[in-house]
Amino acid sequence: MFLEYSALSGTDWNPLGTGSPFFLNFDSWWNPTVLLIVYVISRFTFYLLTAVVMKLSGATLVNLSLLTTDFYCLLAGICLFQYKVCSKVCH
């Protein structure tokens, strides 16, 4: 808990950076404030759409789509980033 507090207290939370709007200043685009806002918006959208999809199609389709997404992320990691799927377990 103390390590997280010290890391958060040392973070620059100013989204405007050098005085220009944060979306025009590419140096401050990866600012923690912007990333936190994008994360919150994406999670809100995900949970909102999950409820809608569950109501329209059911929990089975939601679970299958989430598993399919994980599979495609694994394939992208293997093809694009040369991930090793089982390097120590299989040998």
Protein backbone atom coordinates (compact mmCIF):
# COMPACT_ATOMS: atom_id res chain seq x y z
CA MET A 1 0.00 0.00 0.00
CA PHE A 2 2.82 2.40 0.84
CA LEU A 3 4.58 1.72 -2.46
CA GLU A 4 1.43 2.50 -4.43
CA TYR A 5 0.86 5.72 -2.48
CA SER A 6 4.41 6.93 -3.04
CA ALA A 7 4.18 6.15 -6.77
CA LEU A 8 0.87 7.99 -7.10
CA SER A 9 1.97 10.97 -5.06
CA GLY A 10 4.98 11.50 -7.34
CA THR A 11 2.89 11.48 -10.54
CA ASP A 12 2.23 14.68 -12.48
CA TRP A 13 -1.56 14.83 -12.78
CA ASN A 14 -1.73 17.98 -14.91
CA PRO A 15 -3.50 16.97 -18.16
CA LEU A 16 -2.64 20.20 -19.97
CA GLY A 17 1.13 19.77 -19.77
CA THR A 18 2.84 22.82 -21.27
CA GLY A 19 -0.20 25.04 -21.71
CA SER A 20 -1.60 23.74 -25.00
CA PRO A 21 -4.62 21.41 -25.07
CA PHE A 22 -3.64 17.86 -24.18
CA PHE A 23 -4.95 16.43 -27.46
CA LEU A 24 -2.66 18.76 -29.45
CA ASN A 25 0.42 18.25 -27.30
CA PHE A 26 1.80 14.84 -28.21
CA ASP A 27 4.34 14.89 -25.38
CA SER A 28 1.57 14.86 -22.79
CA TRP A 29 -0.71 12.42 -24.61
CA TRP A 30 0.48 9.55 -22.42
CA ASN A 31 -0.16 11.58 -19.32
CA PRO A 32 -1.59 9.42 -16.50
CA THR A 33 -4.69 11.61 -16.28
CA VAL A 34 -5.56 11.05 -19.94
CA LEU A 35 -4.90 7.33 -19.65
CA LEU A 36 -7.07 7.09 -16.54
CA ILE A 37 -9.94 8.92 -18.26
CA VAL A 38 -9.69 6.66 -21.33
CA TYR A 39 -9.62 3.58 -19.08
CA VAL A 40 -12.72 4.67 -17.15
CA ILE A 41 -14.63 5.46 -20.36
CA SER A 42 -13.67 2.10 -21.91
CA ARG A 43 -14.69 0.11 -18.81
CA PHE A 44 -17.99 1.98 -18.58
CA THR A 45 -18.69 1.29 -22.26
CA PHE A 46 -17.75 -2.37 -21.87
CA TYR A 47 -20.08 -2.94 -18.92
CA LEU A 48 -22.88 -1.00 -20.57
CA LEU A 49 -22.62 -3.01 -23.79
CA THR A 50 -22.23 -6.29 -21.88
CA ALA A 51 -25.62 -5.76 -20.25
CA VAL A 52 -27.22 -4.96 -23.61
CA VAL A 53 -25.67 -7.97 -25.36
CA MET A 54 -26.66 -10.29 -22.49
CA LYS A 55 -30.23 -9.08 -22.69
CA LEU A 56 -30.40 -9.53 -26.47
CA SER A 57 -28.50 -12.78 -26.92
CA GLY A 58 -27.70 -14.41 -23.60
CA ALA A 59 -24.71 -15.22 -21.44
CA THR A 60 -23.45 -18.00 -23.70
CA LEU A 61 -22.76 -15.67 -26.60
CA VAL A 62 -21.03 -13.18 -24.29
CA ASN A 63 -18.75 -15.89 -22.88
CA LEU A 64 -17.96 -17.22 -26.34
CA SER A 65 -17.14 -13.76 -27.66
CA LEU A 66 -14.82 -13.06 -24.71
CA LEU A 67 -13.04 -16.38 -25.24
CA THR A 68 -12.72 -15.64 -28.96
CA THR A 69 -11.23 -12.24 -28.16
CA ASP A 70 -8.63 -13.86 -25.90
CA PHE A 71 -7.75 -16.31 -28.66
CA TYR A 72 -7.27 -13.55 -31.23
CA CYS A 73 -5.12 -11.59 -28.78
CA LEU A 74 -2.98 -14.69 -28.31
CA LEU A 75 -2.62 -15.12 -32.08
CA ALA A 76 -1.69 -11.45 -32.48
CA GLY A 77 0.91 -11.80 -29.76
CA ILE A 78 2.41 -14.87 -31.39
CA CYS A 79 2.47 -13.38 -34.90
CA LEU A 80 3.32 -9.76 -34.17
CA PHE A 81 5.42 -9.91 -31.01
CA GLN A 82 6.90 -13.44 -31.28
CA TYR A 83 5.48 -14.59 -27.93
CA LYS A 84 6.42 -18.06 -26.76
CA VAL A 85 3.26 -19.79 -25.57
CA CYS A 86 4.83 -22.50 -23.43
CA SER A 87 8.56 -21.99 -23.17
CA LYS A 88 9.32 -23.55 -19.74
CA VAL A 89 6.27 -25.71 -19.15
CA CYS A 90 6.53 -27.79 -22.32
CA HIS A 91 10.25 -28.51 -22.16
